[in-house]
Amino acid sequence: MGGKPPIFFMEKDKLKQIVTKLKLLVDQLESEVYSDPTAYSTTSTKYDIPISDYDEVFNDDDGYPD
């Protein structure tokens, strides 16, 4: 008991295969995600005029600083 924990080494060829497979998977995922431009593109939305006076809009005249 006690001693050092065992050290596991993977073969370099196996690691290269794993990396290659992961890259292929990421490429496939990216192509699926980016194949539909409506899923990630923004639309031009018209917004209302910005609020100029917070107190009038939200009836915040209690006298305390906000």
PDB file of N, CA and C in Angstrom:
ATOM      1  N   MET A   1       0.846  -1.184   0.000  1.00  0.00           N
ATOM      2  CA  MET A   1       0.000   0.000   0.000  1.00  0.00           C
ATOM      3  C   MET A   1       0.883   1.236   0.000  1.00  0.00           C
ATOM      4  N   GLY A   2       0.267   2.357  -0.093  1.00  0.00           N
ATOM      5  CA  GLY A   2       1.067   3.577  -0.101  1.00  0.00           C
ATOM      6  C   GLY A   2       1.649   3.812  -1.467  1.00  0.00           C
ATOM      7  N   GLY A   3       2.753   3.565  -1.792  1.00  0.00           N
ATOM      8  CA  GLY A   3       3.456   3.661  -3.067  1.00  0.00           C
ATOM      9  C   GLY A   3       2.858   4.610  -4.097  1.00  0.00           C
ATOM     10  N   LYS A   4       3.514   4.689  -5.211  1.00  0.00           N
ATOM     11  CA  LYS A   4       3.062   5.547  -6.304  1.00  0.00           C
ATOM     12  C   LYS A   4       1.932   4.883  -7.082  1.00  0.00           C
ATOM     13  N   PRO A   5       0.989   5.689  -7.568  1.00  0.00           N
ATOM     14  CA  PRO A   5      -0.071   5.103  -8.401  1.00  0.00           C
ATOM     15  C   PRO A   5       0.519   4.647  -9.737  1.00  0.00           C
ATOM     16  N   PRO A   6      -0.060   3.624 -10.346  1.00  0.00           N
ATOM     17  CA  PRO A   6       0.474   3.141 -11.619  1.00  0.00           C
ATOM     18  C   PRO A   6       0.331   4.202 -12.709  1.00  0.00           C
ATOM     19  N   ILE A   7       1.302   4.252 -13.591  1.00  0.00           N
ATOM     20  CA  ILE A   7       1.283   5.210 -14.692  1.00  0.00           C
ATOM     21  C   ILE A   7       0.890   4.450 -15.950  1.00  0.00           C
ATOM     22  N   PHE A   8      -0.102   4.971 -16.661  1.00  0.00           N
ATOM     23  CA  PHE A   8      -0.564   4.321 -17.877  1.00  0.00           C
ATOM     24  C   PHE A   8      -0.110   5.134 -19.073  1.00  0.00           C
ATOM     25  N   PHE A   9       0.490   4.482 -20.013  1.00  0.00           N
ATOM     26  CA  PHE A   9       0.918   5.130 -21.244  1.00  0.00           C
ATOM     27  C   PHE A   9       0.112   4.551 -22.392  1.00  0.00           C
ATOM     28  N   MET A  10      -0.311   5.423 -23.296  1.00  0.00           N
ATOM     29  CA  MET A  10      -1.002   4.951 -24.487  1.00  0.00           C
ATOM     30  C   MET A  10      -0.020   4.967 -25.645  1.00  0.00           C
ATOM     31  N   GLU A  11      -0.235   4.090 -26.557  1.00  0.00           N
ATOM     32  CA  GLU A  11       0.624   4.068 -27.724  1.00  0.00           C
ATOM     33  C   GLU A  11       0.363   5.314 -28.567  1.00  0.00           C
ATOM     34  N   LYS A  12       1.418   5.849 -29.120  1.00  0.00           N
ATOM     35  CA  LYS A  12       1.326   7.076 -29.903  1.00  0.00           C
ATOM     36  C   LYS A  12       0.397   6.911 -31.105  1.00  0.00           C
ATOM     37  N   ASP A  13       0.424   5.755 -31.735  1.00  0.00           N
ATOM     38  CA  ASP A  13      -0.437   5.517 -32.892  1.00  0.00           C
ATOM     39  C   ASP A  13      -1.916   5.556 -32.500  1.00  0.00           C
ATOM     40  N   LYS A  14      -2.237   4.991 -31.346  1.00  0.00           N
ATOM     41  CA  LYS A  14      -3.625   5.001 -30.871  1.00  0.00           C
ATOM     42  C   LYS A  14      -4.071   6.440 -30.584  1.00  0.00           C
ATOM     43  N   LEU A  15      -3.203   7.228 -29.970  1.00  0.00           N
ATOM     44  CA  LEU A  15      -3.529   8.620 -29.691  1.00  0.00           C
ATOM     45  C   LEU A  15      -3.771   9.403 -30.974  1.00  0.00           C
ATOM     46  N   LYS A  16      -2.947   9.158 -31.984  1.00  0.00           N
ATOM     47  CA  LYS A  16      -3.120   9.836 -33.271  1.00  0.00           C
ATOM     48  C   LYS A  16      -4.458   9.465 -33.906  1.00  0.00           C
ATOM     49  N   GLN A  17      -4.850   8.208 -33.785  1.00  0.00           N
ATOM     50  CA  GLN A  17      -6.134   7.768 -34.327  1.00  0.00           C
ATOM     51  C   GLN A  17      -7.291   8.460 -33.608  1.00  0.00           C
ATOM     52  N   ILE A  18      -7.177   8.568 -32.289  1.00  0.00           N
ATOM     53  CA  ILE A  18      -8.224   9.230 -31.506  1.00  0.00           C
ATOM     54  C   ILE A  18      -8.342  10.693 -31.921  1.00  0.00           C
ATOM     55  N   VAL A  19      -7.204  11.370 -32.057  1.00  0.00           N
ATOM     56  CA  VAL A  19      -7.211  12.785 -32.447  1.00  0.00           C
ATOM     57  C   VAL A  19      -7.827  12.948 -33.827  1.00  0.00           C
ATOM     58  N   THR A  20      -7.482  12.072 -34.752  1.00  0.00           N
ATOM     59  CA  THR A  20      -8.030  12.139 -36.104  1.00  0.00           C
ATOM     60  C   THR A  20      -9.543  11.950 -36.086  1.00  0.00           C
ATOM     61  N   LYS A  21     -10.019  10.984 -35.318  1.00  0.00           N
ATOM     62  CA  LYS A  21     -11.459  10.734 -35.224  1.00  0.00           C
ATOM     63  C   LYS A  21     -12.183  11.919 -34.584  1.00  0.00           C
ATOM     64  N   LEU A  22     -11.567  12.506 -33.563  1.00  0.00           N
ATOM     65  CA  LEU A  22     -12.179  13.676 -32.919  1.00  0.00           C
ATOM     66  C   LEU A  22     -12.279  14.849 -33.877  1.00  0.00           C
ATOM     67  N   LYS A  23     -11.247  15.066 -34.679  1.00  0.00           N
ATOM     68  CA  LYS A  23     -11.284  16.151 -35.666  1.00  0.00           C
ATOM     69  C   LYS A  23     -12.393  15.932 -36.682  1.00  0.00           C
ATOM     70  N   LEU A  24     -12.563  14.684 -37.115  1.00  0.00           N
ATOM     71  CA  LEU A  24     -13.637  14.376 -38.062  1.00  0.00           C
ATOM     72  C   LEU A  24     -15.006  14.637 -37.438  1.00  0.00           C
ATOM     73  N   LEU A  25     -15.157  14.258 -36.187  1.00  0.00           N
ATOM     74  CA  LEU A  25     -16.424  14.499 -35.497  1.00  0.00           C
ATOM     75  C   LEU A  25     -16.715  15.987 -35.361  1.00  0.00           C
ATOM     76  N   VAL A  26     -15.702  16.764 -35.022  1.00  0.00           N
ATOM     77  CA  VAL A  26     -15.890  18.215 -34.891  1.00  0.00           C
ATOM     78  C   VAL A  26     -16.261  18.822 -36.235  1.00  0.00           C
ATOM     79  N   ASP A  27     -15.614  18.377 -37.307  1.00  0.00           N
ATOM     80  CA  ASP A  27     -15.955  18.873 -38.639  1.00  0.00           C
ATOM     81  C   ASP A  27     -17.408  18.559 -38.988  1.00  0.00           C
ATOM     82  N   GLN A  28     -17.860  17.361 -38.667  1.00  0.00           N
ATOM     83  CA  GLN A  28     -19.241  16.990 -38.944  1.00  0.00           C
ATOM     84  C   GLN A  28     -20.210  17.824 -38.125  1.00  0.00           C
ATOM     85  N   LEU A  29     -19.877  18.049 -36.858  1.00  0.00           N
ATOM     86  CA  LEU A  29     -20.737  18.883 -36.013  1.00  0.00           C
ATOM     87  C   LEU A  29     -20.826  20.305 -36.539  1.00  0.00           C
ATOM     88  N   GLU A  30     -19.694  20.869 -36.922  1.00  0.00           N
ATOM     89  CA  GLU A  30     -19.686  22.229 -37.457  1.00  0.00           C
ATOM     90  C   GLU A  30     -20.525  22.323 -38.719  1.00  0.00           C
ATOM     91  N   SER A  31     -20.421  21.342 -39.592  1.00  0.00           N
ATOM     92  CA  SER A  31     -21.194  21.395 -40.829  1.00  0.00           C
ATOM     93  C   SER A  31     -22.691  21.314 -40.543  1.00  0.00           C
ATOM     94  N   GLU A  32     -23.079  20.548 -39.539  1.00  0.00           N
ATOM     95  CA  GLU A  32     -24.492  20.478 -39.177  1.00  0.00           C
ATOM     96  C   GLU A  32     -24.981  21.791 -38.579  1.00  0.00           C
ATOM     97  N   VAL A  33     -24.178  22.370 -37.721  1.00  0.00           N
ATOM     98  CA  VAL A  33     -24.581  23.609 -37.049  1.00  0.00           C
ATOM     99  C   VAL A  33     -24.661  24.762 -38.045  1.00  0.00           C
ATOM    100  N   TYR A  34     -23.657  24.883 -38.902  1.00  0.00           N
ATOM    101  CA  TYR A  34     -23.589  26.015 -39.806  1.00  0.00           C
ATOM    102  C   TYR A  34     -24.335  25.801 -41.120  1.00  0.00           C
ATOM    103  N   SER A  35     -24.957  24.653 -41.318  1.00  0.00           N
ATOM    104  CA  SER A  35     -25.682  24.413 -42.559  1.00  0.00           C
ATOM    105  C   SER A  35     -27.003  25.170 -42.604  1.00  0.00           C
ATOM    106  N   ASP A  36     -27.512  25.599 -41.470  1.00  0.00           N
ATOM    107  CA  ASP A  36     -28.766  26.343 -41.406  1.00  0.00           C
ATOM    108  C   ASP A  36     -28.484  27.766 -40.944  1.00  0.00           C
ATOM    109  N   PRO A  37     -28.311  28.710 -41.885  1.00  0.00           N
ATOM    110  CA  PRO A  37     -27.963  30.086 -41.507  1.00  0.00           C
ATOM    111  C   PRO A  37     -29.003  30.762 -40.619  1.00  0.00           C
ATOM    112  N   THR A  38     -30.249  30.353 -40.701  1.00  0.00           N
ATOM    113  CA  THR A  38     -31.269  30.996 -39.863  1.00  0.00           C
ATOM    114  C   THR A  38     -31.103  30.637 -38.399  1.00  0.00           C
ATOM    115  N   ALA A  39     -30.382  29.569 -38.117  1.00  0.00           N
ATOM    116  CA  ALA A  39     -30.189  29.145 -36.731  1.00  0.00           C
ATOM    117  C   ALA A  39     -29.211  30.035 -35.978  1.00  0.00           C
ATOM    118  N   TYR A  40     -28.318  30.705 -36.692  1.00  0.00           N
ATOM    119  CA  TYR A  40     -27.315  31.508 -35.995  1.00  0.00           C
ATOM    120  C   TYR A  40     -27.216  32.943 -36.489  1.00  0.00           C
ATOM    121  N   SER A  41     -27.963  33.303 -37.502  1.00  0.00           N
ATOM    122  CA  SER A  41     -27.892  34.678 -37.986  1.00  0.00           C
ATOM    123  C   SER A  41     -28.894  35.541 -37.222  1.00  0.00           C
ATOM    124  N   THR A  42     -28.578  36.810 -37.153  1.00  0.00           N
ATOM    125  CA  THR A  42     -29.467  37.729 -36.449  1.00  0.00           C
ATOM    126  C   THR A  42     -30.376  38.419 -37.453  1.00  0.00           C
ATOM    127  N   THR A  43     -31.521  38.788 -36.987  1.00  0.00           N
ATOM    128  CA  THR A  43     -32.449  39.528 -37.830  1.00  0.00           C
ATOM    129  C   THR A  43     -32.451  40.970 -37.375  1.00  0.00           C
ATOM    130  N   SER A  44     -32.753  41.835 -38.269  1.00  0.00           N
ATOM    131  CA  SER A  44     -32.790  43.248 -37.881  1.00  0.00           C
ATOM    132  C   SER A  44     -34.129  43.526 -37.208  1.00  0.00           C
ATOM    133  N   THR A  45     -34.078  43.755 -35.934  1.00  0.00           N
ATOM    134  CA  THR A  45     -35.268  44.019 -35.145  1.00  0.00           C
ATOM    135  C   THR A  45     -35.346  45.502 -34.859  1.00  0.00           C
ATOM    136  N   LYS A  46     -36.512  46.066 -35.065  1.00  0.00           N
ATOM    137  CA  LYS A  46     -36.702  47.480 -34.749  1.00  0.00           C
ATOM    138  C   LYS A  46     -37.120  47.581 -33.284  1.00  0.00           C
ATOM    139  N   TYR A  47     -36.400  48.409 -32.557  1.00  0.00           N
ATOM    140  CA  TYR A  47     -36.683  48.599 -31.146  1.00  0.00           C
ATOM    141  C   TYR A  47     -37.390  49.930 -30.939  1.00  0.00           C
ATOM    142  N   ASP A  48     -38.089  50.025 -29.822  1.00  0.00           N
ATOM    143  CA  ASP A  48     -38.758  51.276 -29.481  1.00  0.00           C
ATOM    144  C   ASP A  48     -37.727  52.352 -29.177  1.00  0.00           C
ATOM    145  N   ILE A  49     -38.214  53.560 -29.077  1.00  0.00           N
ATOM    146  CA  ILE A  49     -37.351  54.681 -28.717  1.00  0.00           C
ATOM    147  C   ILE A  49     -36.814  54.434 -27.308  1.00  0.00           C
ATOM    148  N   PRO A  50     -35.525  54.671 -27.075  1.00  0.00           N
ATOM    149  CA  PRO A  50     -34.972  54.425 -25.738  1.00  0.00           C
ATOM    150  C   PRO A  50     -35.644  55.290 -24.672  1.00  0.00           C
ATOM    151  N   ILE A  51     -35.708  54.757 -23.471  1.00  0.00           N
ATOM    152  CA  ILE A  51     -36.324  55.469 -22.349  1.00  0.00           C
ATOM    153  C   ILE A  51     -35.455  56.660 -21.977  1.00  0.00           C
ATOM    154  N   SER A  52     -36.066  57.837 -21.917  1.00  0.00           N
ATOM    155  CA  SER A  52     -35.288  59.024 -21.586  1.00  0.00           C
ATOM    156  C   SER A  52     -35.378  59.380 -20.108  1.00  0.00           C
ATOM    157  N   ASP A  53     -36.497  59.067 -19.473  1.00  0.00           N
ATOM    158  CA  ASP A  53     -36.661  59.425 -18.072  1.00  0.00           C
ATOM    159  C   ASP A  53     -37.245  58.238 -17.315  1.00  0.00           C
ATOM    160  N   TYR A  54     -36.414  57.586 -16.565  1.00  0.00           N
ATOM    161  CA  TYR A  54     -36.803  56.381 -15.837  1.00  0.00           C
ATOM    162  C   TYR A  54     -37.934  56.660 -14.859  1.00  0.00           C
ATOM    163  N   ASP A  55     -37.873  57.777 -14.158  1.00  0.00           N
ATOM    164  CA  ASP A  55     -38.861  58.084 -13.127  1.00  0.00           C
ATOM    165  C   ASP A  55     -40.275  58.182 -13.702  1.00  0.00           C
ATOM    166  N   GLU A  56     -40.428  58.813 -14.845  1.00  0.00           N
ATOM    167  CA  GLU A  56     -41.755  58.970 -15.428  1.00  0.00           C
ATOM    168  C   GLU A  56     -42.322  57.640 -15.926  1.00  0.00           C
ATOM    169  N   VAL A  57     -41.477  56.823 -16.494  1.00  0.00           N
ATOM    170  CA  VAL A  57     -41.957  55.574 -17.074  1.00  0.00           C
ATOM    171  C   VAL A  57     -42.315  54.570 -15.991  1.00  0.00           C
ATOM    172  N   PHE A  58     -41.479  54.460 -14.969  1.00  0.00           N
ATOM    173  CA  PHE A  58     -41.690  53.445 -13.953  1.00  0.00           C
ATOM    174  C   PHE A  58     -42.258  54.008 -12.651  1.00  0.00           C
ATOM    175  N   ASN A  59     -42.671  55.245 -12.666  1.00  0.00           N
ATOM    176  CA  ASN A  59     -43.274  55.890 -11.494  1.00  0.00           C
ATOM    177  C   ASN A  59     -42.390  55.701 -10.261  1.00  0.00           C
ATOM    178  N   ASP A  60     -41.121  56.022 -10.416  1.00  0.00           N
ATOM    179  CA  ASP A  60     -40.151  55.814  -9.350  1.00  0.00           C
ATOM    180  C   ASP A  60     -39.797  57.152  -8.710  1.00  0.00           C
ATOM    181  N   ASP A  61     -40.735  57.692  -8.007  1.00  0.00           N
ATOM    182  CA  ASP A  61     -40.486  58.982  -7.348  1.00  0.00           C
ATOM    183  C   ASP A  61     -40.604  58.841  -5.833  1.00  0.00           C
ATOM    184  N   ASP A  62     -40.003  57.787  -5.289  1.00  0.00           N
ATOM    185  CA  ASP A  62     -40.092  57.545  -3.855  1.00  0.00           C
ATOM    186  C   ASP A  62     -39.098  58.369  -3.044  1.00  0.00           C
ATOM    187  N   GLY A  63     -38.208  59.092  -3.721  1.00  0.00           N
ATOM    188  CA  GLY A  63     -37.256  59.932  -3.020  1.00  0.00           C
ATOM    189  C   GLY A  63     -35.931  59.264  -2.726  1.00  0.00           C
ATOM    190  N   TYR A  64     -35.858  57.959  -2.898  1.00  0.00           N
ATOM    191  CA  TYR A  64     -34.609  57.255  -2.641  1.00  0.00           C
ATOM    192  C   TYR A  64     -33.791  57.168  -3.937  1.00  0.00           C
ATOM    193  N   PRO A  65     -32.453  57.330  -3.810  1.00  0.00           N
ATOM    194  CA  PRO A  65     -31.635  57.198  -5.019  1.00  0.00           C
ATOM    195  C   PRO A  65     -31.647  55.733  -5.496  1.00  0.00           C
ATOM    196  N   ASP A  66     -31.645  55.559  -6.788  1.00  0.00           N
ATOM    197  CA  ASP A  66     -31.716  54.204  -7.333  1.00  0.00           C
ATOM    198  C   ASP A  66     -30.365  53.721  -7.768  1.00  0.00           C
TER     199      ASP A  66
END
